[in-house]
Amino acid sequence: MCKLWEAKRKPKVKTANVERKVLNKKHTVYMPNIPDSGACLEHLMPSKEWEDVFLADFSKLKLRQRAIHL
């Protein structure tokens, strides 16, 4: 069995032998029915100005991160 890098070096990491054929046979397509959430109250919604400032700040941050990692 091929062990993971972490399992070889860390005693607390455990691995399991998984038979993929058995696992795939037991797999279901169940998806719970999650009810829609209610609409947000108007006074709790962000203003257009707030969204614009937030997006501008986020864009600046992304540009700085990109410059650091290049």
Protein backbone atom coordinates (compact mmCIF):
# COMPACT_ATOMS: atom_id res chain seq x y z
CA MET A 1 0.00 0.00 0.00
CA CYS A 2 1.22 3.45 -0.85
CA LYS A 3 1.20 5.58 2.30
CA LEU A 4 0.80 9.31 2.31
CA TRP A 5 3.80 11.53 2.98
CA GLU A 6 2.28 12.76 6.26
CA ALA A 7 1.49 9.26 7.47
CA LYS A 8 5.08 8.18 6.95
CA ARG A 9 6.43 11.07 9.04
CA LYS A 10 3.74 11.76 11.64
CA PRO A 11 2.72 8.97 14.03
CA LYS A 12 -0.76 10.44 14.69
CA VAL A 13 -1.76 10.39 11.01
CA LYS A 14 -3.69 7.24 10.13
CA THR A 15 -4.49 5.83 6.71
CA ALA A 16 -7.18 3.39 5.64
CA ASN A 17 -7.38 0.80 2.91
CA VAL A 18 -10.45 1.70 0.89
CA GLU A 19 -11.96 -0.63 -1.67
CA ARG A 20 -13.21 1.81 -4.30
CA LYS A 21 -15.57 -0.72 -5.91
CA VAL A 22 -17.37 -1.29 -2.60
CA LEU A 23 -17.41 2.41 -1.80
CA ASN A 24 -18.92 3.32 -5.18
CA LYS A 25 -21.67 0.70 -4.82
CA LYS A 26 -22.73 2.15 -1.46
CA HIS A 27 -22.71 5.75 -2.70
CA THR A 28 -26.11 7.41 -2.94
CA VAL A 29 -27.30 10.50 -4.75
CA TYR A 30 -29.23 11.76 -1.72
CA MET A 31 -29.44 15.52 -1.53
CA PRO A 32 -31.49 17.04 1.28
CA ASN A 33 -34.22 19.51 0.42
CA ILE A 34 -33.03 22.78 1.95
CA PRO A 35 -35.72 25.45 2.20
CA ASP A 36 -35.08 28.87 0.70
CA SER A 37 -33.97 31.55 3.12
CA GLY A 38 -36.11 34.62 3.57
CA ALA A 39 -35.35 37.91 1.90
CA CYS A 40 -33.01 40.25 3.69
CA LEU A 41 -34.56 43.34 5.21
CA GLU A 42 -33.86 46.46 3.17
CA HIS A 43 -32.17 48.34 6.04
CA LEU A 44 -29.69 45.46 6.46
CA MET A 45 -28.58 45.51 2.81
CA PRO A 46 -25.23 47.19 1.99
CA SER A 47 -25.48 50.51 0.20
CA LYS A 48 -24.15 50.91 -3.35
CA GLU A 49 -21.48 53.25 -1.98
CA TRP A 50 -20.34 50.65 0.57
CA GLU A 51 -20.16 47.96 -2.13
CA ASP A 52 -18.09 50.22 -4.40
CA VAL A 53 -15.62 51.09 -1.61
CA PHE A 54 -15.37 47.43 -0.54
CA LEU A 55 -14.71 46.22 -4.09
CA ALA A 56 -12.11 48.94 -4.70
CA ASP A 57 -10.27 48.02 -1.48
CA PHE A 58 -10.45 44.32 -2.33
CA SER A 59 -9.09 44.97 -5.83
CA LYS A 60 -6.16 46.92 -4.38
CA LEU A 61 -5.43 44.08 -1.96
CA LYS A 62 -5.50 41.49 -4.76
CA LEU A 63 -3.11 43.60 -6.84
CA ARG A 64 -0.69 43.92 -3.90
CA GLN A 65 -0.81 40.18 -3.26
CA ARG A 66 -0.19 39.44 -6.92
CA ALA A 67 2.82 41.80 -6.91
CA ILE A 68 4.26 40.08 -3.83
CA HIS A 69 3.93 36.58 -5.30
CA LEU A 70 5.39 37.36 -8.72
